Amino acid sequence: MPSMKIARRSKSQSKRSRSVAFSDASFSANQSLNQSSGPDGFMAARDERELVDLIRRQLQLIGEDPDREGLLRTPARVSEALQFLTRGYHQNPKTVLNDALFEATSDEMVIVKDIDFYSLCEHHLLPFFGKCHIAYLPTRKIVGLSKLPRLVEVYARRLQVQERLTQQIASTLLDLIHADGVGVIIEAQHLCMMMRGVEKQNSYAITSALLGRFRDDARTRAEFINLVQHRRDNL
């Protein structure tokens, strides 16, 4: 796990404001996309037909015959897969969390770790996948535990880079529940490094976002990192 340095509170507050603004702007930018979607939140029929045609043309451009038996339904299948893998553009993270906020009865650290996720790298449209660990220090509100994996899904099911994914999860949680601090760590393997390019099969990336007390308080930060590194027996 990477070492974390203590930062001044003014820097923490500045980073928090930038992160929350970025998260809100990201969702606002997707509202125009939602307007062209069908009633189920996915692609309108006209746009889906256009996507299928484009995928068919891609097959032709790489030298394939889209009319052969094995590829006849491939354009439609790829279209459906892309809509599923990017459905986070049509989901509002605030809606995901707001129906599961409860009055806090404790100010102790809450951690949900080893959240599996799958996302698409925005540079090559290849998958990256791994585990996400989330912790927060409640003040007035706590969030239903199952909503934290759902929050990860909202942002992972988009074209992403790991660094931004980590920050979006942390800043959204901090903004919505007004926590005293939020920590997010993501460990992921990237197929764009494994099956192309440098082709390094055993490499993985670790990113972290530490906000509030997780950035300012070394003891809080150390407790979080130690709990994330802890592995249960018999698993």
C-alpha atoms as a PDB file:
ATOM      1  CA  MET A   1       0.000   0.000   0.000  1.00  0.00           C
ATOM      2  CA  PRO A   2       1.427   3.443  -0.880  1.00  0.00           C
ATOM      3  CA  SER A   3       2.626   5.715   1.915  1.00  0.00           C
ATOM      4  CA  MET A   4       0.491   8.744   2.677  1.00  0.00           C
ATOM      5  CA  LYS A   5       1.841  12.138   3.776  1.00  0.00           C
ATOM      6  CA  ILE A   6       0.078  14.574   6.087  1.00  0.00           C
ATOM      7  CA  ALA A   7      -1.312  17.630   4.317  1.00  0.00           C
ATOM      8  CA  ARG A   8      -2.451  20.974   5.731  1.00  0.00           C
ATOM      9  CA  ARG A   9      -6.158  21.487   6.299  1.00  0.00           C
ATOM     10  CA  SER A  10      -6.343  24.362   3.825  1.00  0.00           C
ATOM     11  CA  LYS A  11      -5.056  22.060   1.087  1.00  0.00           C
ATOM     12  CA  SER A  12      -7.563  19.397   2.122  1.00  0.00           C
ATOM     13  CA  GLN A  13     -10.454  21.820   1.995  1.00  0.00           C
ATOM     14  CA  SER A  14      -9.360  23.121  -1.385  1.00  0.00           C
ATOM     15  CA  LYS A  15      -9.098  19.611  -2.801  1.00  0.00           C
ATOM     16  CA  ARG A  16     -12.507  18.727  -1.382  1.00  0.00           C
ATOM     17  CA  SER A  17     -14.176  21.717  -3.063  1.00  0.00           C
ATOM     18  CA  ARG A  18     -12.524  20.963  -6.394  1.00  0.00           C
ATOM     19  CA  SER A  19     -13.448  17.285  -6.159  1.00  0.00           C
ATOM     20  CA  VAL A  20     -17.095  17.891  -5.304  1.00  0.00           C
ATOM     21  CA  ALA A  21     -17.407  20.461  -8.087  1.00  0.00           C
ATOM     22  CA  PHE A  22     -15.861  18.031 -10.557  1.00  0.00           C
ATOM     23  CA  SER A  23     -18.257  15.277  -9.489  1.00  0.00           C
ATOM     24  CA  ASP A  24     -21.306  17.502  -9.866  1.00  0.00           C
ATOM     25  CA  ALA A  25     -20.104  18.806 -13.227  1.00  0.00           C
ATOM     26  CA  SER A  26     -19.585  15.246 -14.426  1.00  0.00           C
ATOM     27  CA  PHE A  27     -23.205  14.351 -13.733  1.00  0.00           C
ATOM     28  CA  SER A  28     -24.516  17.611 -15.217  1.00  0.00           C
ATOM     29  CA  ALA A  29     -22.612  16.931 -18.410  1.00  0.00           C
ATOM     30  CA  ASN A  30     -24.417  13.599 -18.707  1.00  0.00           C
ATOM     31  CA  GLN A  31     -27.906  15.098 -18.497  1.00  0.00           C
ATOM     32  CA  SER A  32     -27.887  15.970 -22.206  1.00  0.00           C
ATOM     33  CA  LEU A  33     -27.032  12.337 -22.925  1.00  0.00           C
ATOM     34  CA  ASN A  34     -29.976  11.196 -20.820  1.00  0.00           C
ATOM     35  CA  GLN A  35     -32.353  13.361 -22.864  1.00  0.00           C
ATOM     36  CA  SER A  36     -31.640  11.266 -25.970  1.00  0.00           C
ATOM     37  CA  SER A  37     -32.226   8.009 -24.119  1.00  0.00           C
ATOM     38  CA  GLY A  38     -35.208   5.718 -24.257  1.00  0.00           C
ATOM     39  CA  PRO A  39     -37.741   5.316 -21.424  1.00  0.00           C
ATOM     40  CA  ASP A  40     -35.623   2.604 -19.777  1.00  0.00           C
ATOM     41  CA  GLY A  41     -32.704   5.010 -19.387  1.00  0.00           C
ATOM     42  CA  PHE A  42     -30.706   3.417 -22.156  1.00  0.00           C
ATOM     43  CA  MET A  43     -30.220   4.350 -25.789  1.00  0.00           C
ATOM     44  CA  ALA A  44     -33.119   5.502 -27.948  1.00  0.00           C
ATOM     45  CA  ALA A  45     -34.062   3.049 -30.719  1.00  0.00           C
ATOM     46  CA  ARG A  46     -32.777   5.302 -33.503  1.00  0.00           C
ATOM     47  CA  ASP A  47     -29.405   5.745 -31.814  1.00  0.00           C
ATOM     48  CA  GLU A  48     -29.149   2.035 -31.113  1.00  0.00           C
ATOM     49  CA  ARG A  49     -29.683   1.216 -34.787  1.00  0.00           C
ATOM     50  CA  GLU A  50     -26.960   3.703 -35.687  1.00  0.00           C
ATOM     51  CA  LEU A  51     -24.573   2.101 -33.167  1.00  0.00           C
ATOM     52  CA  VAL A  52     -25.270  -1.367 -34.569  1.00  0.00           C
ATOM     53  CA  ASP A  53     -24.481  -0.087 -38.078  1.00  0.00           C
ATOM     54  CA  LEU A  54     -21.227   1.472 -36.866  1.00  0.00           C
ATOM     55  CA  ILE A  55     -20.120  -1.755 -35.207  1.00  0.00           C
ATOM     56  CA  ARG A  56     -20.938  -3.667 -38.390  1.00  0.00           C
ATOM     57  CA  ARG A  57     -18.781  -1.204 -40.336  1.00  0.00           C
ATOM     58  CA  GLN A  58     -15.930  -1.657 -37.847  1.00  0.00           C
ATOM     59  CA  LEU A  59     -15.984  -5.386 -38.532  1.00  0.00           C
ATOM     60  CA  GLN A  60     -15.659  -4.679 -42.227  1.00  0.00           C
ATOM     61  CA  LEU A  61     -12.774  -2.244 -41.694  1.00  0.00           C
ATOM     62  CA  ILE A  62     -10.674  -4.788 -39.787  1.00  0.00           C
ATOM     63  CA  GLY A  63     -11.131  -7.291 -42.614  1.00  0.00           C
ATOM     64  CA  GLU A  64     -14.035  -9.387 -41.326  1.00  0.00           C
ATOM     65  CA  ASP A  65     -17.255 -10.412 -43.021  1.00  0.00           C
ATOM     66  CA  PRO A  66     -20.178  -9.281 -40.810  1.00  0.00           C
ATOM     67  CA  ASP A  67     -22.514 -11.506 -42.832  1.00  0.00           C
ATOM     68  CA  ARG A  68     -20.849 -14.770 -41.890  1.00  0.00           C
ATOM     69  CA  GLU A  69     -22.729 -16.966 -39.441  1.00  0.00           C
ATOM     70  CA  GLY A  70     -20.631 -16.273 -36.362  1.00  0.00           C
ATOM     71  CA  LEU A  71     -20.859 -12.494 -36.756  1.00  0.00           C
ATOM     72  CA  LEU A  72     -24.459 -12.017 -37.858  1.00  0.00           C
ATOM     73  CA  ARG A  73     -25.650 -10.944 -34.394  1.00  0.00           C
ATOM     74  CA  THR A  74     -22.324  -9.565 -33.172  1.00  0.00           C
ATOM     75  CA  PRO A  75     -23.149  -5.874 -33.864  1.00  0.00           C
ATOM     76  CA  ALA A  76     -26.380  -6.143 -31.840  1.00  0.00           C
ATOM     77  CA  ARG A  77     -24.634  -8.038 -29.038  1.00  0.00           C
ATOM     78  CA  VAL A  78     -21.833  -5.476 -28.836  1.00  0.00           C
ATOM     79  CA  SER A  79     -24.372  -2.647 -28.779  1.00  0.00           C
ATOM     80  CA  GLU A  80     -26.209  -4.278 -25.875  1.00  0.00           C
ATOM     81  CA  ALA A  81     -22.935  -4.894 -24.045  1.00  0.00           C
ATOM     82  CA  LEU A  82     -21.793  -1.288 -24.450  1.00  0.00           C
ATOM     83  CA  GLN A  83     -25.092   0.001 -23.100  1.00  0.00           C
ATOM     84  CA  PHE A  84     -24.767  -2.272 -20.072  1.00  0.00           C
ATOM     85  CA  LEU A  85     -21.111  -1.417 -19.463  1.00  0.00           C
ATOM     86  CA  THR A  86     -21.783   2.341 -19.635  1.00  0.00           C
ATOM     87  CA  ARG A  87     -25.158   2.470 -17.874  1.00  0.00           C
ATOM     88  CA  GLY A  88     -23.615   4.629 -15.143  1.00  0.00           C
ATOM     89  CA  TYR A  89     -24.064   7.653 -17.431  1.00  0.00           C
ATOM     90  CA  HIS A  90     -27.813   7.291 -16.876  1.00  0.00           C
ATOM     91  CA  GLN A  91     -27.666   6.934 -13.085  1.00  0.00           C
ATOM     92  CA  ASN A  92     -27.566   9.727 -10.540  1.00  0.00           C
ATOM     93  CA  PRO A  93     -25.263   8.922  -7.598  1.00  0.00           C
ATOM     94  CA  LYS A  94     -27.264  11.259  -5.385  1.00  0.00           C
ATOM     95  CA  THR A  95     -30.416   9.229  -5.995  1.00  0.00           C
ATOM     96  CA  VAL A  96     -28.555   6.024  -5.200  1.00  0.00           C
ATOM     97  CA  LEU A  97     -27.532   7.280  -1.754  1.00  0.00           C
ATOM     98  CA  ASN A  98     -30.306   9.621  -0.698  1.00  0.00           C
ATOM     99  CA  ASP A  99     -32.922   6.903  -0.122  1.00  0.00           C
ATOM    100  CA  ALA A 100     -30.662   5.096   2.356  1.00  0.00           C
ATOM    101  CA  LEU A 101     -29.425   7.820   4.697  1.00  0.00           C
ATOM    102  CA  PHE A 102     -30.047   7.338   8.416  1.00  0.00           C
ATOM    103  CA  GLU A 103     -29.335   9.267  11.582  1.00  0.00           C
ATOM    104  CA  ALA A 104     -25.857   8.483  12.896  1.00  0.00           C
ATOM    105  CA  THR A 105     -25.542   6.795  16.280  1.00  0.00           C
ATOM    106  CA  SER A 106     -21.741   6.564  16.199  1.00  0.00           C
ATOM    107  CA  ASP A 107     -18.784   8.583  15.035  1.00  0.00           C
ATOM    108  CA  GLU A 108     -16.493   5.567  14.590  1.00  0.00           C
ATOM    109  CA  MET A 109     -14.973   4.589  11.258  1.00  0.00           C
ATOM    110  CA  VAL A 110     -17.181   2.628   8.840  1.00  0.00           C
ATOM    111  CA  ILE A 111     -15.410   0.498   6.232  1.00  0.00           C
ATOM    112  CA  VAL A 112     -16.679  -1.589   3.322  1.00  0.00           C
ATOM    113  CA  LYS A 113     -13.763  -3.306   1.625  1.00  0.00           C
ATOM    114  CA  ASP A 114     -13.067  -5.682  -1.260  1.00  0.00           C
ATOM    115  CA  ILE A 115     -15.861  -4.288  -3.439  1.00  0.00           C
ATOM    116  CA  ASP A 116     -15.418  -5.933  -6.832  1.00  0.00           C
ATOM    117  CA  PHE A 117     -15.783  -3.625  -9.821  1.00  0.00           C
ATOM    118  CA  TYR A 118     -15.334  -3.649 -13.601  1.00  0.00           C
ATOM    119  CA  SER A 119     -14.847  -0.575 -15.751  1.00  0.00           C
ATOM    120  CA  LEU A 120     -13.681   0.439 -19.224  1.00  0.00           C
ATOM    121  CA  CYS A 121     -10.491   2.420 -19.776  1.00  0.00           C
ATOM    122  CA  GLU A 122     -11.384   5.554 -21.728  1.00  0.00           C
ATOM    123  CA  HIS A 123      -8.114   5.433 -23.678  1.00  0.00           C
ATOM    124  CA  HIS A 124      -8.476   2.012 -25.331  1.00  0.00           C
ATOM    125  CA  LEU A 125     -12.002   0.888 -24.318  1.00  0.00           C
ATOM    126  CA  LEU A 126     -10.426  -2.157 -22.666  1.00  0.00           C
ATOM    127  CA  PRO A 127     -11.504  -3.373 -19.203  1.00  0.00           C
ATOM    128  CA  PHE A 128      -9.811  -2.648 -15.950  1.00  0.00           C
ATOM    129  CA  PHE A 129     -11.033  -4.380 -12.824  1.00  0.00           C
ATOM    130  CA  GLY A 130     -10.213  -4.969  -9.201  1.00  0.00           C
ATOM    131  CA  LYS A 131     -11.318  -4.074  -5.697  1.00  0.00           C
ATOM    132  CA  CYS A 132     -12.419  -0.861  -4.040  1.00  0.00           C
ATOM    133  CA  HIS A 133     -12.168  -0.111  -0.324  1.00  0.00           C
ATOM    134  CA  ILE A 134     -14.281   2.700   1.175  1.00  0.00           C
ATOM    135  CA  ALA A 135     -14.197   4.199   4.665  1.00  0.00           C
ATOM    136  CA  TYR A 136     -15.868   7.227   6.209  1.00  0.00           C
ATOM    137  CA  LEU A 137     -16.271   8.937   9.573  1.00  0.00           C
ATOM    138  CA  PRO A 138     -19.966   9.759  10.102  1.00  0.00           C
ATOM    139  CA  THR A 139     -21.182  12.959  11.691  1.00  0.00           C
ATOM    140  CA  ARG A 140     -24.947  13.345  11.341  1.00  0.00           C
ATOM    141  CA  LYS A 141     -25.705  10.620   8.785  1.00  0.00           C
ATOM    142  CA  ILE A 142     -24.728   7.062   7.948  1.00  0.00           C
ATOM    143  CA  VAL A 143     -25.478   5.337   4.653  1.00  0.00           C
ATOM    144  CA  GLY A 144     -26.842   1.826   4.110  1.00  0.00           C
ATOM    145  CA  LEU A 145     -23.862  -0.467   3.582  1.00  0.00           C
ATOM    146  CA  SER A 146     -25.184  -1.935   0.331  1.00  0.00           C
ATOM    147  CA  LYS A 147     -25.313   1.554  -1.177  1.00  0.00           C
ATOM    148  CA  LEU A 148     -21.538   1.909  -1.169  1.00  0.00           C
ATOM    149  CA  PRO A 149     -21.038  -0.874  -3.756  1.00  0.00           C
ATOM    150  CA  ARG A 150     -23.878   0.709  -5.751  1.00  0.00           C
ATOM    151  CA  LEU A 151     -22.053   4.041  -5.686  1.00  0.00           C
ATOM    152  CA  VAL A 152     -18.944   2.315  -7.025  1.00  0.00           C
ATOM    153  CA  GLU A 153     -21.048   0.803  -9.833  1.00  0.00           C
ATOM    154  CA  VAL A 154     -22.475   4.179 -10.859  1.00  0.00           C
ATOM    155  CA  TYR A 155     -19.020   5.573 -11.556  1.00  0.00           C
ATOM    156  CA  ALA A 156     -17.348   2.340 -12.708  1.00  0.00           C
ATOM    157  CA  ARG A 157     -19.957   1.761 -15.430  1.00  0.00           C
ATOM    158  CA  ARG A 158     -18.619   4.635 -17.486  1.00  0.00           C
ATOM    159  CA  LEU A 159     -15.527   5.266 -19.564  1.00  0.00           C
ATOM    160  CA  GLN A 160     -12.989   5.915 -16.847  1.00  0.00           C
ATOM    161  CA  VAL A 161      -9.454   6.296 -15.636  1.00  0.00           C
ATOM    162  CA  GLN A 162      -8.702   4.791 -12.252  1.00  0.00           C
ATOM    163  CA  GLU A 163      -7.517   8.063 -10.731  1.00  0.00           C
ATOM    164  CA  ARG A 164     -10.786   9.866 -11.535  1.00  0.00           C
ATOM    165  CA  LEU A 165     -12.922   6.907 -10.465  1.00  0.00           C
ATOM    166  CA  THR A 166     -11.272   6.944  -7.039  1.00  0.00           C
ATOM    167  CA  GLN A 167     -11.779  10.675  -6.581  1.00  0.00           C
ATOM    168  CA  GLN A 168     -15.403  10.684  -7.768  1.00  0.00           C
ATOM    169  CA  ILE A 169     -16.422   7.996  -5.279  1.00  0.00           C
ATOM    170  CA  ALA A 170     -14.737   9.809  -2.391  1.00  0.00           C
ATOM    171  CA  SER A 171     -15.964  13.328  -3.173  1.00  0.00           C
ATOM    172  CA  THR A 172     -19.551  12.219  -3.817  1.00  0.00           C
ATOM    173  CA  LEU A 173     -19.747  10.369  -0.507  1.00  0.00           C
ATOM    174  CA  LEU A 174     -18.212  13.288   1.389  1.00  0.00           C
ATOM    175  CA  ASP A 175     -20.619  15.761  -0.212  1.00  0.00           C
ATOM    176  CA  LEU A 176     -23.810  13.760   0.310  1.00  0.00           C
ATOM    177  CA  ILE A 177     -23.424  12.600   3.905  1.00  0.00           C
ATOM    178  CA  HIS A 178     -21.216  15.463   5.170  1.00  0.00           C
ATOM    179  CA  ALA A 179     -18.788  12.990   6.698  1.00  0.00           C
ATOM    180  CA  ASP A 180     -15.879  14.080   8.874  1.00  0.00           C
ATOM    181  CA  GLY A 181     -13.636  12.293   6.418  1.00  0.00           C
ATOM    182  CA  VAL A 182     -13.657   9.801   3.559  1.00  0.00           C
ATOM    183  CA  GLY A 183     -10.992   7.405   2.351  1.00  0.00           C
ATOM    184  CA  VAL A 184     -11.095   5.367  -0.869  1.00  0.00           C
ATOM    185  CA  ILE A 185      -8.442   2.973  -2.153  1.00  0.00           C
ATOM    186  CA  ILE A 186      -8.705   1.132  -5.481  1.00  0.00           C
ATOM    187  CA  GLU A 187      -6.481  -1.741  -6.596  1.00  0.00           C
ATOM    188  CA  ALA A 188      -6.928  -2.714 -10.252  1.00  0.00           C
ATOM    189  CA  GLN A 189      -5.468  -4.606 -13.167  1.00  0.00           C
ATOM    190  CA  HIS A 190      -5.633  -3.001 -16.592  1.00  0.00           C
ATOM    191  CA  LEU A 191      -5.982  -5.072 -19.747  1.00  0.00           C
ATOM    192  CA  CYS A 192      -4.520  -2.189 -21.741  1.00  0.00           C
ATOM    193  CA  MET A 193      -1.244  -3.006 -19.951  1.00  0.00           C
ATOM    194  CA  MET A 194      -1.697  -6.779 -19.959  1.00  0.00           C
ATOM    195  CA  MET A 195      -2.857  -7.741 -23.462  1.00  0.00           C
ATOM    196  CA  ARG A 196      -1.293  -4.902 -25.471  1.00  0.00           C
ATOM    197  CA  GLY A 197       1.450  -2.308 -25.102  1.00  0.00           C
ATOM    198  CA  VAL A 198       3.969  -3.344 -22.449  1.00  0.00           C
ATOM    199  CA  GLU A 199       2.119  -6.675 -21.854  1.00  0.00           C
ATOM    200  CA  LYS A 200       2.946  -6.894 -18.146  1.00  0.00           C
ATOM    201  CA  GLN A 201       0.702  -9.619 -16.747  1.00  0.00           C
ATOM    202  CA  ASN A 202       1.346  -9.203 -13.019  1.00  0.00           C
ATOM    203  CA  SER A 203       1.229  -5.428 -12.661  1.00  0.00           C
ATOM    204  CA  TYR A 204      -1.590  -3.581 -10.938  1.00  0.00           C
ATOM    205  CA  ALA A 205      -2.306   0.010 -10.015  1.00  0.00           C
ATOM    206  CA  ILE A 206      -3.224   1.433  -6.595  1.00  0.00           C
ATOM    207  CA  THR A 207      -4.896   4.816  -6.246  1.00  0.00           C
ATOM    208  CA  SER A 208      -6.201   6.589  -3.156  1.00  0.00           C
ATOM    209  CA  ALA A 209      -8.366   9.570  -2.318  1.00  0.00           C
ATOM    210  CA  LEU A 210      -8.157  10.854   1.260  1.00  0.00           C
ATOM    211  CA  LEU A 211     -10.454  13.680   2.286  1.00  0.00           C
ATOM    212  CA  GLY A 212     -11.097  15.438   5.595  1.00  0.00           C
ATOM    213  CA  ARG A 213      -9.618  13.703   8.639  1.00  0.00           C
ATOM    214  CA  PHE A 214      -8.228  10.886   6.529  1.00  0.00           C
ATOM    215  CA  ARG A 215      -5.875  13.421   4.954  1.00  0.00           C
ATOM    216  CA  ASP A 216      -5.228  15.606   7.994  1.00  0.00           C
ATOM    217  CA  ASP A 217      -4.944  13.039  10.802  1.00  0.00           C
ATOM    218  CA  ALA A 218      -2.077  10.543  10.534  1.00  0.00           C
ATOM    219  CA  ARG A 219      -3.606   8.162  13.090  1.00  0.00           C
ATOM    220  CA  THR A 220      -6.935   8.019  11.261  1.00  0.00           C
ATOM    221  CA  ARG A 221      -5.146   7.445   7.984  1.00  0.00           C
ATOM    222  CA  ALA A 222      -2.988   4.685   9.471  1.00  0.00           C
ATOM    223  CA  GLU A 223      -6.017   2.914  10.977  1.00  0.00           C
ATOM    224  CA  PHE A 224      -7.758   2.934   7.605  1.00  0.00           C
ATOM    225  CA  ILE A 225      -4.740   1.547   5.739  1.00  0.00           C
ATOM    226  CA  ASN A 226      -4.148  -1.151   8.360  1.00  0.00           C
ATOM    227  CA  LEU A 227      -7.784  -2.293   8.225  1.00  0.00           C
ATOM    228  CA  VAL A 228      -7.735  -2.394   4.428  1.00  0.00           C
ATOM    229  CA  GLN A 229      -4.589  -4.531   4.460  1.00  0.00           C
ATOM    230  CA  HIS A 230      -6.044  -6.917   7.041  1.00  0.00           C
ATOM    231  CA  ARG A 231      -7.220 -10.223   5.576  1.00  0.00           C
ATOM    232  CA  ARG A 232      -9.758 -12.441   7.296  1.00  0.00           C
ATOM    233  CA  ASP A 233      -8.813 -16.027   8.100  1.00  0.00           C
ATOM    234  CA  ASN A 234     -10.304 -18.997   6.235  1.00  0.00           C
ATOM    235  CA  LEU A 235     -11.153 -16.948   3.137  1.00  0.00           C
END
